[in-house]
Amino acid sequence: MSKAIVIVGATGTGKTTTVVNILNEIDIPKVIFDVNNEEKYKPFKNLWDKDFNFENFIKKATELKNTCIVFEEATIFFSHSGATTDIKKLLVQKRHTKNLLIFNFHSLRQVPLFILDFCDLLVLGKTVDNKKNIETKFKDFTEIYEAFQQAQADESKYVKKYVRLIQQ
């Protein structure tokens, strides 16, 4: 599969549903780091349990091949995580490992730029981001900023704007 997808949206805007739709369409093993133990992920293999921390999940993920690896609630981990090197390794090696990586974030502002550098697709929904902060962070990424503005202006709570980050 060899792709990385970032999905961004406020609570209740359909991020998990979007991931579940993707998981239902692919026929490769799936592992999900889901601290909330979402009911929607029950049909899929989930490596999260109360004794399984993020660092252990990342170490395990770096060993996987031809697998869909989902980081539900990624916002929690990437601002304070010591696992940045392993995340970069996952992203850089995705073509060789044939892994599909999916990251769910609540805020566009919280998505580390190093993750976007290696991602193929951004799925952007409504967020509670401050427009000025997004404009500052993404002023040189016009497609992302325009998609943000369109999503914010849309009347639907579940709007999704797709931005291809790596051109085919």
C-alpha atoms as a PDB file:
ATOM      1  CA  MET A   1       0.000   0.000   0.000  1.00  0.00           C
ATOM      2  CA  SER A   2       2.889   2.399   0.872  1.00  0.00           C
ATOM      3  CA  LYS A   3       0.850   5.465   1.846  1.00  0.00           C
ATOM      4  CA  ALA A   4       0.470   7.839   4.764  1.00  0.00           C
ATOM      5  CA  ILE A   5      -2.777   9.679   5.469  1.00  0.00           C
ATOM      6  CA  VAL A   6      -3.411  12.447   7.988  1.00  0.00           C
ATOM      7  CA  ILE A   7      -7.032  12.985   9.025  1.00  0.00           C
ATOM      8  CA  VAL A   8      -7.859  16.177  10.922  1.00  0.00           C
ATOM      9  CA  GLY A   9     -11.124  17.257  12.500  1.00  0.00           C
ATOM     10  CA  ALA A  10     -12.683  18.389  15.734  1.00  0.00           C
ATOM     11  CA  THR A  11     -14.380  15.935  18.077  1.00  0.00           C
ATOM     12  CA  GLY A  12     -17.481  14.435  16.487  1.00  0.00           C
ATOM     13  CA  THR A  13     -16.684  15.359  12.872  1.00  0.00           C
ATOM     14  CA  GLY A  14     -16.217  11.808  11.590  1.00  0.00           C
ATOM     15  CA  LYS A  15     -12.483  11.102  11.847  1.00  0.00           C
ATOM     16  CA  THR A  16     -12.912   7.601  13.267  1.00  0.00           C
ATOM     17  CA  THR A  17     -15.713   6.833  10.807  1.00  0.00           C
ATOM     18  CA  THR A  18     -13.406   7.890   7.957  1.00  0.00           C
ATOM     19  CA  VAL A  19     -10.711   5.513   9.232  1.00  0.00           C
ATOM     20  CA  VAL A  20     -13.190   2.649   9.624  1.00  0.00           C
ATOM     21  CA  ASN A  21     -14.354   3.197   6.030  1.00  0.00           C
ATOM     22  CA  ILE A  22     -10.739   2.930   4.851  1.00  0.00           C
ATOM     23  CA  LEU A  23     -10.146  -0.184   6.975  1.00  0.00           C
ATOM     24  CA  ASN A  24     -13.218  -1.841   5.471  1.00  0.00           C
ATOM     25  CA  GLU A  25     -11.906  -1.225   1.943  1.00  0.00           C
ATOM     26  CA  ILE A  26      -8.436  -2.719   2.366  1.00  0.00           C
ATOM     27  CA  ASP A  27      -7.383  -6.319   2.667  1.00  0.00           C
ATOM     28  CA  ILE A  28      -4.179  -6.173   4.700  1.00  0.00           C
ATOM     29  CA  PRO A  29      -3.543  -6.728   8.413  1.00  0.00           C
ATOM     30  CA  LYS A  30      -4.534  -3.820  10.637  1.00  0.00           C
ATOM     31  CA  VAL A  31      -3.129  -2.607  13.953  1.00  0.00           C
ATOM     32  CA  ILE A  32      -4.642   0.311  15.813  1.00  0.00           C
ATOM     33  CA  PHE A  33      -3.314   2.347  18.689  1.00  0.00           C
ATOM     34  CA  ASP A  34      -6.582   3.497  20.242  1.00  0.00           C
ATOM     35  CA  VAL A  35      -6.415   4.868  23.783  1.00  0.00           C
ATOM     36  CA  ASN A  36     -10.193   5.355  23.857  1.00  0.00           C
ATOM     37  CA  ASN A  37     -10.991   1.748  22.960  1.00  0.00           C
ATOM     38  CA  GLU A  38     -13.490   2.927  20.322  1.00  0.00           C
ATOM     39  CA  GLU A  39     -16.374   0.552  19.672  1.00  0.00           C
ATOM     40  CA  LYS A  40     -16.013   1.190  15.926  1.00  0.00           C
ATOM     41  CA  TYR A  41     -12.579  -0.484  15.938  1.00  0.00           C
ATOM     42  CA  LYS A  42     -13.759  -3.705  17.637  1.00  0.00           C
ATOM     43  CA  PRO A  43     -13.910  -5.710  14.363  1.00  0.00           C
ATOM     44  CA  PHE A  44     -10.241  -4.922  13.699  1.00  0.00           C
ATOM     45  CA  LYS A  45      -7.095  -6.107  15.436  1.00  0.00           C
ATOM     46  CA  ASN A  46      -6.228  -3.543  18.075  1.00  0.00           C
ATOM     47  CA  LEU A  47      -2.854  -3.602  19.830  1.00  0.00           C
ATOM     48  CA  TRP A  48      -3.942  -1.228  22.572  1.00  0.00           C
ATOM     49  CA  ASP A  49      -4.551  -2.449  26.080  1.00  0.00           C
ATOM     50  CA  LYS A  50      -3.998  -0.863  29.492  1.00  0.00           C
ATOM     51  CA  ASP A  51      -0.419  -2.183  29.689  1.00  0.00           C
ATOM     52  CA  PHE A  52       0.580  -1.306  26.124  1.00  0.00           C
ATOM     53  CA  ASN A  53       2.124   2.149  25.966  1.00  0.00           C
ATOM     54  CA  PHE A  54       2.822   4.295  22.937  1.00  0.00           C
ATOM     55  CA  GLU A  55       6.559   3.613  22.855  1.00  0.00           C
ATOM     56  CA  ASN A  56       5.928  -0.159  22.806  1.00  0.00           C
ATOM     57  CA  PHE A  57       3.397   0.277  20.003  1.00  0.00           C
ATOM     58  CA  ILE A  58       5.860   2.323  17.936  1.00  0.00           C
ATOM     59  CA  LYS A  59       8.631  -0.238  18.422  1.00  0.00           C
ATOM     60  CA  LYS A  60       6.256  -3.007  17.303  1.00  0.00           C
ATOM     61  CA  ALA A  61       5.035  -0.910  14.365  1.00  0.00           C
ATOM     62  CA  THR A  62       8.588  -0.440  13.033  1.00  0.00           C
ATOM     63  CA  GLU A  63       8.799  -4.228  12.621  1.00  0.00           C
ATOM     64  CA  LEU A  64       5.591  -4.560  10.567  1.00  0.00           C
ATOM     65  CA  LYS A  65       5.302  -4.964   6.807  1.00  0.00           C
ATOM     66  CA  ASN A  66       2.282  -4.744   4.481  1.00  0.00           C
ATOM     67  CA  THR A  67       0.124  -3.568   7.385  1.00  0.00           C
ATOM     68  CA  CYS A  68      -2.262  -0.695   8.049  1.00  0.00           C
ATOM     69  CA  ILE A  69      -1.089   1.114  11.188  1.00  0.00           C
ATOM     70  CA  VAL A  70      -3.589   3.544  12.712  1.00  0.00           C
ATOM     71  CA  PHE A  71      -2.736   6.211  15.268  1.00  0.00           C
ATOM     72  CA  GLU A  72      -6.120   7.168  16.711  1.00  0.00           C
ATOM     73  CA  GLU A  73      -5.902  10.326  18.830  1.00  0.00           C
ATOM     74  CA  ALA A  74      -2.432  11.115  17.458  1.00  0.00           C
ATOM     75  CA  THR A  75      -2.704  14.603  18.960  1.00  0.00           C
ATOM     76  CA  ILE A  76      -1.948  13.138  22.387  1.00  0.00           C
ATOM     77  CA  PHE A  77       1.407  11.704  21.419  1.00  0.00           C
ATOM     78  CA  PHE A  78       3.228  13.876  18.956  1.00  0.00           C
ATOM     79  CA  SER A  79       3.761  17.019  20.980  1.00  0.00           C
ATOM     80  CA  HIS A  80       5.495  15.262  23.879  1.00  0.00           C
ATOM     81  CA  SER A  81       6.571  11.915  22.510  1.00  0.00           C
ATOM     82  CA  GLY A  82      10.104  10.650  22.633  1.00  0.00           C
ATOM     83  CA  ALA A  83       9.195   8.314  19.765  1.00  0.00           C
ATOM     84  CA  THR A  84       9.768  10.896  17.032  1.00  0.00           C
ATOM     85  CA  THR A  85      12.723   8.983  15.555  1.00  0.00           C
ATOM     86  CA  ASP A  86      10.656   5.818  15.189  1.00  0.00           C
ATOM     87  CA  ILE A  87       7.748   7.765  13.667  1.00  0.00           C
ATOM     88  CA  LYS A  88      10.137   9.262  11.125  1.00  0.00           C
ATOM     89  CA  LYS A  89      11.463   5.771  10.433  1.00  0.00           C
ATOM     90  CA  LEU A  90       7.911   4.514   9.790  1.00  0.00           C
ATOM     91  CA  LEU A  91       7.237   7.407   7.421  1.00  0.00           C
ATOM     92  CA  VAL A  92      10.543   7.234   5.557  1.00  0.00           C
ATOM     93  CA  GLN A  93      10.392   3.462   5.139  1.00  0.00           C
ATOM     94  CA  LYS A  94       6.698   3.196   4.212  1.00  0.00           C
ATOM     95  CA  ARG A  95       7.493   2.495   0.561  1.00  0.00           C
ATOM     96  CA  HIS A  96       9.851  -0.346   1.480  1.00  0.00           C
ATOM     97  CA  THR A  97       7.607  -1.822   4.179  1.00  0.00           C
ATOM     98  CA  LYS A  98       4.439  -1.343   2.075  1.00  0.00           C
ATOM     99  CA  ASN A  99       2.651  -0.018   5.162  1.00  0.00           C
ATOM    100  CA  LEU A 100      -0.375   2.244   5.171  1.00  0.00           C
ATOM    101  CA  LEU A 101      -0.074   4.759   8.014  1.00  0.00           C
ATOM    102  CA  ILE A 102      -3.110   6.703   9.234  1.00  0.00           C
ATOM    103  CA  PHE A 103      -2.871   9.529  11.774  1.00  0.00           C
ATOM    104  CA  ASN A 104      -5.963  11.126  13.370  1.00  0.00           C
ATOM    105  CA  PHE A 105      -5.538  14.644  14.778  1.00  0.00           C
ATOM    106  CA  HIS A 106      -8.068  17.015  16.355  1.00  0.00           C
ATOM    107  CA  SER A 107      -6.308  20.139  15.208  1.00  0.00           C
ATOM    108  CA  LEU A 108      -4.428  21.098  12.061  1.00  0.00           C
ATOM    109  CA  ARG A 109      -2.183  23.231  14.225  1.00  0.00           C
ATOM    110  CA  GLN A 110      -1.095  20.104  16.146  1.00  0.00           C
ATOM    111  CA  VAL A 111       0.052  18.132  13.093  1.00  0.00           C
ATOM    112  CA  PRO A 112       3.864  18.158  13.072  1.00  0.00           C
ATOM    113  CA  LEU A 113       5.243  19.399   9.764  1.00  0.00           C
ATOM    114  CA  PHE A 114       7.635  16.429   9.602  1.00  0.00           C
ATOM    115  CA  ILE A 115       4.595  14.145   9.370  1.00  0.00           C
ATOM    116  CA  LEU A 116       3.051  16.202   6.570  1.00  0.00           C
ATOM    117  CA  ASP A 117       6.390  16.091   4.720  1.00  0.00           C
ATOM    118  CA  PHE A 118       5.974  12.332   4.246  1.00  0.00           C
ATOM    119  CA  CYS A 119       2.202  12.080   3.892  1.00  0.00           C
ATOM    120  CA  ASP A 120       0.389  11.381   0.666  1.00  0.00           C
ATOM    121  CA  LEU A 121      -3.036  12.684   1.633  1.00  0.00           C
ATOM    122  CA  LEU A 122      -4.557  15.144   4.087  1.00  0.00           C
ATOM    123  CA  VAL A 123      -8.245  14.664   4.877  1.00  0.00           C
ATOM    124  CA  LEU A 124      -9.383  17.877   6.496  1.00  0.00           C
ATOM    125  CA  GLY A 125     -12.646  18.414   8.320  1.00  0.00           C
ATOM    126  CA  LYS A 126     -13.920  21.196  10.531  1.00  0.00           C
ATOM    127  CA  THR A 127     -11.625  22.112  13.406  1.00  0.00           C
ATOM    128  CA  VAL A 128     -11.604  24.639  16.220  1.00  0.00           C
ATOM    129  CA  ASP A 129      -8.250  25.995  15.062  1.00  0.00           C
ATOM    130  CA  ASN A 130      -7.695  29.726  15.177  1.00  0.00           C
ATOM    131  CA  LYS A 131      -7.669  30.987  11.583  1.00  0.00           C
ATOM    132  CA  LYS A 132      -4.707  33.296  12.219  1.00  0.00           C
ATOM    133  CA  ASN A 133      -2.612  30.429  13.659  1.00  0.00           C
ATOM    134  CA  ILE A 134      -3.357  28.254  10.634  1.00  0.00           C
ATOM    135  CA  GLU A 135      -2.603  31.095   8.273  1.00  0.00           C
ATOM    136  CA  THR A 136       0.776  31.624   9.980  1.00  0.00           C
ATOM    137  CA  LYS A 137       1.737  27.927  10.034  1.00  0.00           C
ATOM    138  CA  PHE A 138       0.509  27.126   6.515  1.00  0.00           C
ATOM    139  CA  LYS A 139       1.069  30.387   4.617  1.00  0.00           C
ATOM    140  CA  ASP A 140       3.478  28.574   2.285  1.00  0.00           C
ATOM    141  CA  PHE A 141       1.101  25.603   1.888  1.00  0.00           C
ATOM    142  CA  THR A 142      -1.669  27.318  -0.053  1.00  0.00           C
ATOM    143  CA  GLU A 143      -3.581  24.116  -0.854  1.00  0.00           C
ATOM    144  CA  ILE A 144      -3.775  23.213   2.833  1.00  0.00           C
ATOM    145  CA  TYR A 145      -4.780  26.716   3.885  1.00  0.00           C
ATOM    146  CA  GLU A 146      -7.455  26.933   1.180  1.00  0.00           C
ATOM    147  CA  ALA A 147      -8.845  23.502   2.150  1.00  0.00           C
ATOM    148  CA  PHE A 148      -8.955  24.660   5.785  1.00  0.00           C
ATOM    149  CA  GLN A 149     -10.914  27.772   4.833  1.00  0.00           C
ATOM    150  CA  GLN A 150     -13.340  25.754   2.689  1.00  0.00           C
ATOM    151  CA  ALA A 151     -13.938  23.194   5.457  1.00  0.00           C
ATOM    152  CA  GLN A 152     -14.530  25.906   8.042  1.00  0.00           C
ATOM    153  CA  ALA A 153     -16.992  27.701   5.762  1.00  0.00           C
ATOM    154  CA  ASP A 154     -18.964  24.562   4.889  1.00  0.00           C
ATOM    155  CA  GLU A 155     -22.295  24.130   6.672  1.00  0.00           C
ATOM    156  CA  SER A 156     -21.871  20.371   7.167  1.00  0.00           C
ATOM    157  CA  LYS A 157     -20.352  19.177  10.428  1.00  0.00           C
ATOM    158  CA  TYR A 158     -18.941  16.189   8.517  1.00  0.00           C
ATOM    159  CA  VAL A 159     -17.349  18.039   5.582  1.00  0.00           C
ATOM    160  CA  LYS A 160     -14.097  16.531   4.274  1.00  0.00           C
ATOM    161  CA  LYS A 161     -11.604  18.302   2.052  1.00  0.00           C
ATOM    162  CA  TYR A 162      -8.887  16.210   0.434  1.00  0.00           C
ATOM    163  CA  VAL A 163      -5.421  17.572  -0.246  1.00  0.00           C
ATOM    164  CA  ARG A 164      -2.953  15.402  -2.124  1.00  0.00           C
ATOM    165  CA  LEU A 165       0.414  16.140  -0.525  1.00  0.00           C
ATOM    166  CA  ILE A 166       2.657  13.921  -2.628  1.00  0.00           C
ATOM    167  CA  GLN A 167       1.987  14.253  -6.309  1.00  0.00           C
ATOM    168  CA  GLN A 168       1.767  10.940  -8.182  1.00  0.00           C
END
